[in-house]
């Protein structure tokens, strides 16, 4: 088993909360991780029909089978169990670990019944750090990891991405999408999914997306919520606090795994990615995902935004740290071109910064270099960034 960076946080929080909830997309390794950390507790899958029926028909009797706690996998299948769990953990010194692949439903139930009683963590696919430092995988270029993505089965079973992702997408649509919302035409949803992949890194234009997908504006919002709920895609929010009104306030669209996005874009190998029109957007998506993994694996929420004004001046990532805003630009270029730092210099002038020490460009090269106009940070060095 490849060690997950979030493991230490789970072990720490286990002793502080009666319930720990771990969410994330299907096949990100939630079950394997919890079985390993909670080897002393029974594991119960609520995808199993017998377990699910017992939990639904007799929740108190079901919980009585686990007097010392348990790991309940895919807990979203029995949302009625949450209120009974509240009663158990309030009356006994006991611990349960819950996992699920539908974030919105779980968040709603936790807010209603387990608020203050559970630590909630998110597990995304493998990070670069986990694959290289914990498992000694090597990547000759960023295109290789962007194309392959981070789902554990790709590495554990040595499955080719072109074999893995089409089956994953089909399974996702058949299982999770239908469970969240009863869609009449799944082919339309797959078309919508592919159109979303084609808009990676772009400001979301709901009307344009609706027109291209042949669906209504409201359906676009509903389907985007499904993608967010199941950890397939997310809306990346702009930062506009304390700025004037001439700023972009619409979100950008990204995927939680670039390998999945590449499959939806019909990219069949990493060499093809090198000349693809969305190469820059996919690299930006990869970098933001790595930042999110650093935060989530430490048990923290996202503190990431982008910034863009009406003149198209943009900062790809703003990291909010207390009263500080740390700007990062992201460029797929493997060459350190001076012009790549122009937006960071604009930001410096806008905020009357005295020096360029906090101006950082993450690029596709392999060397970290400091200059008087900003820092070039290799994509390989992202795990070392303090965000």
Protein backbone atom coordinates (compact mmCIF):
# COMPACT_ATOMS: atom_id res chain seq x y z
CA UNK A 1 0.00 0.00 0.00
CA UNK A 2 1.29 3.46 -0.96
CA UNK A 3 1.35 5.68 2.12
CA UNK A 4 -1.12 8.54 1.94
CA UNK A 5 -0.07 11.95 3.24
CA UNK A 6 -3.41 12.37 5.01
CA UNK A 7 -2.79 9.30 7.21
CA UNK A 8 -1.17 11.18 10.09
CA UNK A 9 -4.02 13.68 10.24
CA UNK A 10 -6.59 10.87 10.42
CA UNK A 11 -4.68 9.21 13.27
CA UNK A 12 -4.46 12.51 15.12
CA UNK A 13 -8.16 13.32 14.76
CA UNK A 14 -9.27 9.80 15.65
CA UNK A 15 -8.44 10.50 19.29
CA UNK A 16 -10.18 13.88 19.33
CA UNK A 17 -13.58 13.27 17.69
CA UNK A 18 -16.16 10.49 18.17
CA UNK A 19 -16.74 10.42 14.38
CA UNK A 20 -14.37 10.92 11.46
CA UNK A 21 -15.83 11.41 7.99
CA UNK A 22 -13.69 10.88 4.87
CA UNK A 23 -15.12 11.91 1.52
CA UNK A 24 -13.76 11.81 -2.01
CA UNK A 25 -14.47 10.43 -5.47
CA UNK A 26 -14.89 6.71 -6.01
CA UNK A 27 -11.62 4.76 -6.21
CA UNK A 28 -9.44 7.41 -4.59
CA UNK A 29 -8.41 4.87 -1.95
CA UNK A 30 -10.76 5.76 0.94
CA UNK A 31 -11.61 2.14 1.75
CA UNK A 32 -8.00 0.90 1.61
CA UNK A 33 -6.81 3.78 3.78
CA UNK A 34 -9.48 3.42 6.46
CA UNK A 35 -9.11 -0.36 6.60
CA UNK A 36 -5.39 0.12 7.21
CA UNK A 37 -5.70 2.81 9.89
CA UNK A 38 -8.74 1.24 11.57
CA UNK A 39 -7.57 -2.36 11.44
CA UNK A 40 -8.83 -2.77 15.02
CA UNK A 41 -12.45 -1.98 14.07
CA UNK A 42 -14.88 -3.97 11.90
CA UNK A 43 -15.38 -2.75 8.34
CA UNK A 44 -18.93 -2.57 6.98
CA UNK A 45 -19.80 -1.70 3.38
CA UNK A 46 -23.21 -0.11 3.03
CA UNK A 47 -23.14 -0.86 -0.68
CA UNK A 48 -23.73 -4.47 0.37
CA UNK A 49 -27.48 -5.07 0.05
CA UNK A 50 -27.79 -7.13 3.26
CA UNK A 51 -25.93 -4.54 5.35
CA UNK A 52 -27.90 -1.71 3.81
CA UNK A 53 -31.28 -3.37 4.39
CA UNK A 54 -30.51 -4.11 8.02
CA UNK A 55 -29.33 -0.55 8.61
CA UNK A 56 -32.48 0.82 6.99
CA UNK A 57 -35.00 -1.50 8.65
CA UNK A 58 -33.48 -1.62 12.14
CA UNK A 59 -30.85 1.10 12.60
CA UNK A 60 -30.62 0.68 16.38
CA UNK A 61 -30.20 -3.08 16.08
CA UNK A 62 -27.65 -2.56 13.31
CA UNK A 63 -25.52 -0.23 15.47
CA UNK A 64 -25.79 -2.60 18.45
CA UNK A 65 -23.58 -5.01 16.47
CA UNK A 66 -20.67 -2.57 16.82
CA UNK A 67 -20.33 -1.72 20.53
CA UNK A 68 -16.72 -0.59 20.08
CA UNK A 69 -17.24 1.37 16.88
CA UNK A 70 -16.78 0.51 13.19
CA UNK A 71 -15.89 1.79 9.74
CA UNK A 72 -19.02 2.42 7.67
CA UNK A 73 -18.20 2.68 3.97
CA UNK A 74 -20.44 4.52 1.46
CA UNK A 75 -22.54 5.92 4.31
CA UNK A 76 -24.56 8.06 1.90
CA UNK A 77 -26.54 4.92 1.00
CA UNK A 78 -28.18 5.02 4.44
CA UNK A 79 -28.57 8.72 5.36
CA UNK A 80 -31.14 7.75 8.01
CA UNK A 81 -28.28 6.28 10.05
CA UNK A 82 -26.82 9.67 10.93
CA UNK A 83 -29.38 10.62 13.56
CA UNK A 84 -29.00 7.24 15.28
CA UNK A 85 -25.21 7.62 15.22
CA UNK A 86 -25.63 10.92 17.02
CA UNK A 87 -27.45 9.20 19.86
CA UNK A 88 -24.80 6.48 20.16
CA UNK A 89 -21.74 8.76 20.24
CA UNK A 90 -23.47 11.16 22.65
CA UNK A 91 -24.10 8.36 25.16
CA UNK A 92 -20.92 6.27 24.83
CA UNK A 93 -17.17 6.74 24.53
CA UNK A 94 -17.04 5.25 21.05
CA UNK A 95 -15.59 6.08 17.63
CA UNK A 96 -16.90 5.57 14.10
CA UNK A 97 -15.19 6.27 10.78
CA UNK A 98 -17.50 7.11 7.88
CA UNK A 99 -16.65 7.32 4.20
CA UNK A 100 -18.63 8.38 1.19
CA UNK A 101 -18.39 9.61 -2.39
CA UNK A 102 -21.18 12.20 -2.38
CA UNK A 103 -20.04 15.34 -0.66
CA UNK A 104 -23.21 17.43 -0.71
CA UNK A 105 -25.45 14.76 0.82
CA UNK A 106 -22.91 13.95 3.52
CA UNK A 107 -22.32 17.61 4.33
CA UNK A 108 -26.06 18.18 4.69
CA UNK A 109 -26.53 15.23 7.04
CA UNK A 110 -23.45 16.10 9.10
CA UNK A 111 -24.66 19.68 9.51
CA UNK A 112 -28.05 18.45 10.65
CA UNK A 113 -27.02 15.70 13.06
CA UNK A 114 -23.26 15.41 13.66
CA UNK A 115 -22.11 19.02 13.80
CA UNK A 116 -19.35 19.34 16.37
CA UNK A 117 -19.04 15.57 16.67
CA UNK A 118 -17.16 14.74 13.48
CA UNK A 119 -13.90 15.71 11.83
CA UNK A 120 -14.45 15.94 8.06
CA UNK A 121 -11.59 15.25 5.66
CA UNK A 122 -11.30 14.99 1.88
CA UNK A 123 -9.19 12.44 0.00
CA UNK A 124 -8.23 13.26 -3.58
CA UNK A 125 -6.28 11.00 -5.98
CA UNK A 126 -2.54 10.53 -5.43
CA UNK A 127 -0.42 13.67 -5.25
CA UNK A 128 2.97 14.02 -6.91
CA UNK A 129 4.59 13.80 -3.47
CA UNK A 130 2.82 10.54 -2.62
CA UNK A 131 3.80 8.95 -5.92
CA UNK A 132 7.43 10.06 -5.96
CA UNK A 133 8.45 10.22 -2.29
CA UNK A 134 6.21 7.49 -0.87
CA UNK A 135 6.25 5.07 -3.79
CA UNK A 136 9.32 6.00 -5.90
CA UNK A 137 7.45 6.47 -9.16
CA UNK A 138 9.29 8.64 -11.67
CA UNK A 139 7.93 11.06 -14.26
CA UNK A 140 10.12 12.34 -17.07
CA UNK A 141 7.89 15.35 -17.67
CA UNK A 142 4.78 16.95 -16.26
CA UNK A 143 2.86 15.78 -19.33
CA UNK A 144 3.22 12.19 -18.09
CA UNK A 145 1.52 12.75 -14.73
CA UNK A 146 -1.06 15.18 -16.15
CA UNK A 147 -2.07 12.54 -18.70
CA UNK A 148 -2.04 9.58 -16.31
CA UNK A 149 -3.72 11.27 -13.35
CA UNK A 150 -3.64 10.03 -9.79
CA UNK A 151 -6.23 7.30 -9.27
CA UNK A 152 -4.60 4.53 -7.20
CA UNK A 153 -5.67 1.61 -9.39
CA UNK A 154 -3.61 3.02 -12.28
CA UNK A 155 -0.48 2.50 -10.17
CA UNK A 156 -1.43 -0.49 -8.01
CA UNK A 157 -2.60 -2.58 -10.97
CA UNK A 158 -0.49 -0.90 -13.68
CA UNK A 159 -3.57 -0.15 -15.81
CA UNK A 160 -3.19 1.97 -18.93
CA UNK A 161 -5.18 5.22 -18.61
CA UNK A 162 -6.90 4.54 -21.94
CA UNK A 163 -8.28 1.34 -20.41
CA UNK A 164 -9.10 2.72 -16.97
CA UNK A 165 -10.90 6.01 -17.54
CA UNK A 166 -13.60 5.01 -20.08
CA UNK A 167 -14.78 2.30 -17.66
CA UNK A 168 -14.53 4.68 -14.72
CA UNK A 169 -16.65 7.28 -16.53
CA UNK A 170 -19.26 4.71 -17.53
CA UNK A 171 -19.44 3.36 -13.97
CA UNK A 172 -19.63 6.85 -12.52
CA UNK A 173 -22.52 7.87 -14.76
CA UNK A 174 -24.42 4.63 -14.18
CA UNK A 175 -23.97 4.56 -10.39
CA UNK A 176 -23.33 7.95 -8.84
CA UNK A 177 -25.18 10.21 -11.25
CA UNK A 178 -28.33 8.11 -11.17
CA UNK A 179 -28.11 7.89 -7.40
CA UNK A 180 -27.89 11.67 -7.03
CA UNK A 181 -30.40 12.54 -9.72
CA UNK A 182 -32.67 10.42 -11.88
CA UNK A 183 -31.58 11.46 -15.39
CA UNK A 184 -33.60 10.31 -18.35
CA UNK A 185 -30.86 10.71 -20.94
CA UNK A 186 -27.43 9.63 -19.72
CA UNK A 187 -25.90 10.24 -23.17
CA UNK A 188 -26.72 13.93 -22.83
CA UNK A 189 -24.94 13.99 -19.49
CA UNK A 190 -21.82 12.38 -20.97
CA UNK A 191 -21.87 14.97 -23.75
CA UNK A 192 -22.13 17.66 -21.09
CA UNK A 193 -19.19 16.09 -19.22
CA UNK A 194 -17.02 16.22 -22.35
CA UNK A 195 -18.02 19.84 -23.00
CA UNK A 196 -16.96 20.71 -19.46
CA UNK A 197 -13.56 19.11 -20.07
CA UNK A 198 -13.19 21.31 -23.13
CA UNK A 199 -13.65 24.38 -20.94
CA UNK A 200 -10.97 23.61 -18.35
CA UNK A 201 -9.40 26.78 -17.00
CA UNK A 202 -12.00 29.03 -18.58
CA UNK A 203 -14.52 31.38 -16.98
CA UNK A 204 -17.81 29.48 -16.88
CA UNK A 205 -20.34 30.81 -19.39
CA UNK A 206 -23.52 29.06 -18.33
CA UNK A 207 -25.51 30.18 -21.37
CA UNK A 208 -22.87 29.02 -23.85
CA UNK A 209 -22.53 25.67 -22.09
CA UNK A 210 -26.30 25.25 -22.09
CA UNK A 211 -26.51 26.04 -25.81
CA UNK A 212 -23.70 23.64 -26.78
CA UNK A 213 -25.11 20.85 -24.61
CA UNK A 214 -28.69 21.37 -25.77
CA UNK A 215 -29.99 21.83 -22.24
CA UNK A 216 -31.40 24.69 -20.19
CA UNK A 217 -29.43 27.20 -18.14
CA UNK A 218 -30.87 25.75 -14.93
CA UNK A 219 -29.98 22.21 -16.00
CA UNK A 220 -26.35 23.31 -16.47
CA UNK A 221 -26.26 24.55 -12.87
CA UNK A 222 -27.92 21.35 -11.64
CA UNK A 223 -25.50 19.10 -13.53
CA UNK A 224 -22.47 21.10 -12.39
CA UNK A 225 -23.69 20.53 -8.84
CA UNK A 226 -23.70 16.79 -9.54
CA UNK A 227 -20.07 16.97 -10.74
CA UNK A 228 -19.11 18.86 -7.59
CA UNK A 229 -21.07 16.54 -5.29
CA UNK A 230 -19.26 13.48 -6.64
CA UNK A 231 -15.76 15.02 -6.75
CA UNK A 232 -15.45 14.98 -10.54
CA UNK A 233 -15.18 18.72 -11.20
CA UNK A 234 -15.28 21.94 -9.21
CA UNK A 235 -15.84 25.64 -9.65
CA UNK A 236 -12.74 27.70 -8.81
CA UNK A 237 -13.86 30.97 -7.25
CA UNK A 238 -12.47 34.44 -7.97
CA UNK A 239 -11.12 36.74 -5.27
CA UNK A 240 -12.73 40.16 -5.24
CA UNK A 241 -12.69 41.28 -1.60
CA UNK A 242 -11.50 44.86 -1.10
CA UNK A 243 -11.28 45.48 -4.86
CA UNK A 244 -13.34 47.68 -7.14
CA UNK A 245 -16.26 46.39 -9.18
CA UNK A 246 -14.31 45.98 -12.42
CA UNK A 247 -13.40 42.39 -11.60
CA UNK A 248 -14.47 39.02 -12.93
CA UNK A 249 -16.81 37.42 -10.40
CA UNK A 250 -17.69 34.25 -12.30
CA UNK A 251 -15.87 30.99 -11.45
CA UNK A 252 -13.53 28.89 -13.57
CA UNK A 253 -14.10 25.20 -14.20
CA UNK A 254 -11.56 22.51 -13.28
CA UNK A 255 -11.50 18.73 -12.78
CA UNK A 256 -10.28 17.00 -9.63
CA UNK A 257 -8.13 14.69 -11.78
CA UNK A 258 -6.39 15.71 -15.01
CA UNK A 259 -6.14 12.10 -16.22
CA UNK A 260 -9.93 11.88 -16.24
CA UNK A 261 -10.12 15.19 -18.09
CA UNK A 262 -7.59 13.98 -20.69
CA UNK A 263 -9.72 10.89 -21.30
CA UNK A 264 -12.82 13.04 -21.84
CA UNK A 265 -10.78 15.10 -24.33
CA UNK A 266 -9.79 11.91 -26.20
CA UNK A 267 -6.09 12.40 -25.43
CA UNK A 268 -4.51 8.95 -25.80
CA UNK A 269 -0.90 9.52 -24.69
CA UNK A 270 1.33 12.11 -23.05
CA UNK A 271 3.00 13.03 -26.34
CA UNK A 272 -0.37 14.07 -27.75
CA UNK A 273 -0.82 16.34 -24.74
CA UNK A 274 2.35 18.28 -25.64
CA UNK A 275 0.67 19.89 -28.64
CA UNK A 276 -2.93 19.93 -27.41
CA UNK A 277 -4.77 23.25 -27.43
CA UNK A 278 -5.72 22.77 -23.75
CA UNK A 279 -2.18 21.94 -22.60
CA UNK A 280 -1.92 25.19 -20.63
CA UNK A 281 -5.33 24.76 -19.02
CA UNK A 282 -4.60 21.16 -18.05
CA UNK A 283 -1.25 22.14 -16.52
CA UNK A 284 -2.95 24.94 -14.55
CA UNK A 285 -5.57 22.40 -13.44
CA UNK A 286 -2.82 20.02 -12.30
CA UNK A 287 -1.05 22.73 -10.26
CA UNK A 288 -4.25 23.87 -8.53
CA UNK A 289 -5.08 20.23 -7.72
CA UNK A 290 -1.66 19.77 -6.14
CA UNK A 291 -2.23 22.87 -4.02
CA UNK A 292 -5.62 21.50 -2.95
CA UNK A 293 -4.04 18.16 -2.01
CA UNK A 294 -1.51 19.92 0.21
CA UNK A 295 -4.37 21.66 2.03
CA UNK A 296 -6.75 18.69 2.23
CA UNK A 297 -4.05 16.22 3.31
CA UNK A 298 -3.27 18.54 6.22
CA UNK A 299 -6.94 18.61 7.21
CA UNK A 300 -7.41 22.18 5.98
CA UNK A 301 -10.01 23.73 3.69
CA UNK A 302 -9.13 25.44 0.43
CA UNK A 303 -7.70 28.95 0.69
CA UNK A 304 -7.22 29.28 -3.07
CA UNK A 305 -8.70 31.77 -5.53
CA UNK A 306 -7.91 33.39 -8.85
CA UNK A 307 -8.03 37.08 -9.72
CA UNK A 308 -8.88 38.75 -13.02
CA UNK A 309 -9.94 42.26 -13.94
CA UNK A 310 -11.88 43.58 -16.91
CA UNK A 311 -8.61 44.29 -18.79
CA UNK A 312 -7.80 40.55 -18.64
CA UNK A 313 -4.97 41.06 -16.19
CA UNK A 314 -4.93 37.87 -14.18
CA UNK A 315 -3.29 35.99 -11.31
CA UNK A 316 -3.88 32.26 -11.71
CA UNK A 317 -3.75 31.40 -7.99
CA UNK A 318 -4.10 33.62 -4.94
CA UNK A 319 -3.32 31.93 -1.62
CA UNK A 320 -5.05 33.65 1.27
CA UNK A 321 -2.95 33.34 4.44
CA UNK A 322 -4.42 35.49 7.16
CA UNK A 323 -4.11 39.07 5.94
CA UNK A 324 -1.63 38.08 3.22
CA UNK A 325 -2.40 37.30 -0.41
CA UNK A 326 0.33 35.24 -2.07
CA UNK A 327 0.20 35.40 -5.90
CA UNK A 328 1.17 32.46 -8.13
CA UNK A 329 1.17 32.43 -11.90
CA UNK A 330 1.10 29.09 -13.75
CA UNK A 331 2.66 28.59 -17.18
CA UNK A 332 3.22 25.29 -18.98
CA UNK A 333 6.38 26.63 -20.68
CA UNK A 334 9.55 24.70 -19.84
CA UNK A 335 11.67 27.75 -20.65
CA UNK A 336 12.14 30.65 -18.23
CA UNK A 337 10.96 33.52 -20.41
CA UNK A 338 10.97 37.00 -18.79
CA UNK A 339 7.51 37.79 -20.18
CA UNK A 340 5.97 35.03 -18.08
CA UNK A 341 6.40 37.26 -15.03
CA UNK A 342 4.50 40.25 -16.45
CA UNK A 343 1.21 39.60 -14.61
CA UNK A 344 3.10 39.21 -11.35
CA UNK A 345 4.83 42.53 -11.94
CA UNK A 346 1.42 44.12 -12.60
CA UNK A 347 0.26 42.74 -9.25
CA UNK A 348 3.36 44.17 -7.60
CA UNK A 349 2.63 47.65 -8.96
CA UNK A 350 -1.06 47.39 -8.09
CA UNK A 351 -0.24 46.69 -4.44
CA UNK A 352 2.87 48.90 -4.17
CA UNK A 353 5.02 45.96 -3.12
CA UNK A 354 8.62 46.83 -2.39
CA UNK A 355 10.19 43.63 -3.64
CA UNK A 356 9.42 40.55 -5.70
CA UNK A 357 10.15 37.88 -3.11
CA UNK A 358 6.51 36.74 -2.85
CA UNK A 359 5.96 36.70 -6.62
CA UNK A 360 6.05 33.08 -7.80
CA UNK A 361 5.70 31.47 -11.21
CA UNK A 362 5.14 27.71 -11.36
CA UNK A 363 6.33 26.50 -14.74
CA UNK A 364 7.04 23.30 -16.65
CA UNK A 365 10.81 23.34 -16.22
CA UNK A 366 12.89 21.38 -13.72
CA UNK A 367 14.90 24.12 -11.99
CA UNK A 368 13.98 26.61 -9.27
CA UNK A 369 15.46 30.04 -9.98
CA UNK A 370 15.10 33.33 -8.09
CA UNK A 371 15.25 36.61 -10.02
CA UNK A 372 14.71 40.27 -9.21
CA UNK A 373 11.30 40.10 -10.95
CA UNK A 374 10.00 36.95 -9.25
CA UNK A 375 10.71 33.30 -8.55
CA UNK A 376 10.55 30.46 -11.10
CA UNK A 377 9.35 27.34 -9.28
CA UNK A 378 9.51 23.94 -10.96
CA UNK A 379 6.32 21.86 -11.03
CA UNK A 380 8.36 19.21 -9.22
CA UNK A 381 8.84 21.57 -6.25
CA UNK A 382 5.16 22.17 -5.51
CA UNK A 383 5.20 19.83 -2.45
CA UNK A 384 7.75 22.18 -0.84
CA UNK A 385 5.52 25.26 -1.07
CA UNK A 386 4.02 26.51 2.18
CA UNK A 387 0.37 27.31 1.51
